[in-house]
């Protein structure tokens, strides 16, 4: 699955266009490497997102095309 779509489906970032912009600005990294929005996300990947002065680091537990709001938190875990 594309990185920008995963960020939207998992609700780490609310909109896909915002996820795309964050990737273009270099604020999203997969396994400690800067990632483009088209990068492929797999189970076990570590995603780090920079939000201003703080960063969110999560591990991908599952990849799904769609999910309900309540189930979105089961796609990742905070590190």
Protein backbone atom coordinates (compact mmCIF):
# COMPACT_ATOMS: atom_id res chain seq x y z
CA UNK A 1 0.00 0.00 0.00
CA UNK A 2 1.17 3.54 -0.69
CA UNK A 3 2.45 5.51 2.28
CA UNK A 4 0.04 8.43 1.83
CA UNK A 5 -2.95 6.07 1.68
CA UNK A 6 -1.79 4.15 4.78
CA UNK A 7 -1.45 7.38 6.76
CA UNK A 8 -5.02 8.31 5.82
CA UNK A 9 -6.56 4.85 6.40
CA UNK A 10 -4.82 4.52 9.78
CA UNK A 11 -5.92 8.08 10.61
CA UNK A 12 -2.41 9.15 11.63
CA UNK A 13 -3.00 12.03 9.18
CA UNK A 14 -6.59 13.01 8.39
CA UNK A 15 -6.36 13.71 4.65
CA UNK A 16 -4.37 12.07 1.88
CA UNK A 17 -3.34 15.41 0.40
CA UNK A 18 -1.93 16.50 3.78
CA UNK A 19 -0.05 13.18 3.98
CA UNK A 20 1.29 13.83 0.48
CA UNK A 21 2.47 17.32 1.46
CA UNK A 22 4.16 15.97 4.63
CA UNK A 23 6.05 13.40 2.54
CA UNK A 24 7.12 16.03 0.00
CA UNK A 25 8.40 18.25 2.83
CA UNK A 26 10.55 15.38 4.18
CA UNK A 27 8.68 15.06 7.48
CA UNK A 28 7.86 11.34 7.04
CA UNK A 29 10.46 8.57 7.31
CA UNK A 30 10.18 4.81 6.91
CA UNK A 31 12.86 2.76 8.70
CA UNK A 32 14.96 5.93 9.24
CA UNK A 33 14.96 6.88 5.54
CA UNK A 34 13.06 9.85 4.06
CA UNK A 35 10.01 8.48 2.23
CA UNK A 36 8.03 9.65 -0.75
CA UNK A 37 4.22 9.42 -0.76
CA UNK A 38 4.44 6.55 -3.24
CA UNK A 39 6.68 4.41 -0.98
CA UNK A 40 5.33 0.95 -0.19
CA UNK A 41 4.33 0.24 3.42
CA UNK A 42 4.70 -3.31 4.74
CA UNK A 43 3.95 -4.98 8.06
CA UNK A 44 6.86 -4.39 10.44
CA UNK A 45 7.92 -1.03 9.00
CA UNK A 46 8.70 1.81 11.41
CA UNK A 47 7.14 5.12 10.36
CA UNK A 48 8.22 8.40 11.93
CA UNK A 49 6.21 11.57 11.32
CA UNK A 50 7.40 15.03 12.33
CA UNK A 51 4.61 17.27 13.63
CA UNK A 52 6.21 20.64 14.33
CA UNK A 53 8.54 20.19 17.30
CA UNK A 54 7.44 16.65 18.19
CA UNK A 55 7.66 13.36 16.34
CA UNK A 56 5.37 10.34 16.30
CA UNK A 57 6.95 6.93 15.80
CA UNK A 58 4.78 3.89 15.04
CA UNK A 59 5.23 0.28 13.94
CA UNK A 60 2.94 -1.04 11.20
CA UNK A 61 0.99 -4.07 12.47
CA UNK A 62 -1.47 -4.54 9.61
CA UNK A 63 -2.19 -3.10 6.16
CA UNK A 64 -5.81 -2.79 5.00
CA UNK A 65 -7.38 -0.90 2.11
CA UNK A 66 -10.22 0.44 4.26
CA UNK A 67 -11.10 0.33 7.94
CA UNK A 68 -13.64 1.69 10.38
CA UNK A 69 -12.67 4.52 12.68
CA UNK A 70 -12.65 2.28 15.77
CA UNK A 71 -10.46 -0.35 14.08
CA UNK A 72 -7.89 2.12 12.70
CA UNK A 73 -5.80 2.02 15.88
CA UNK A 74 -5.19 -1.71 15.36
CA UNK A 75 -3.15 -1.01 12.22
CA UNK A 76 -0.19 0.39 14.19
CA UNK A 77 1.32 0.71 17.65
CA UNK A 78 3.22 3.62 19.16
CA UNK A 79 6.91 3.19 19.93
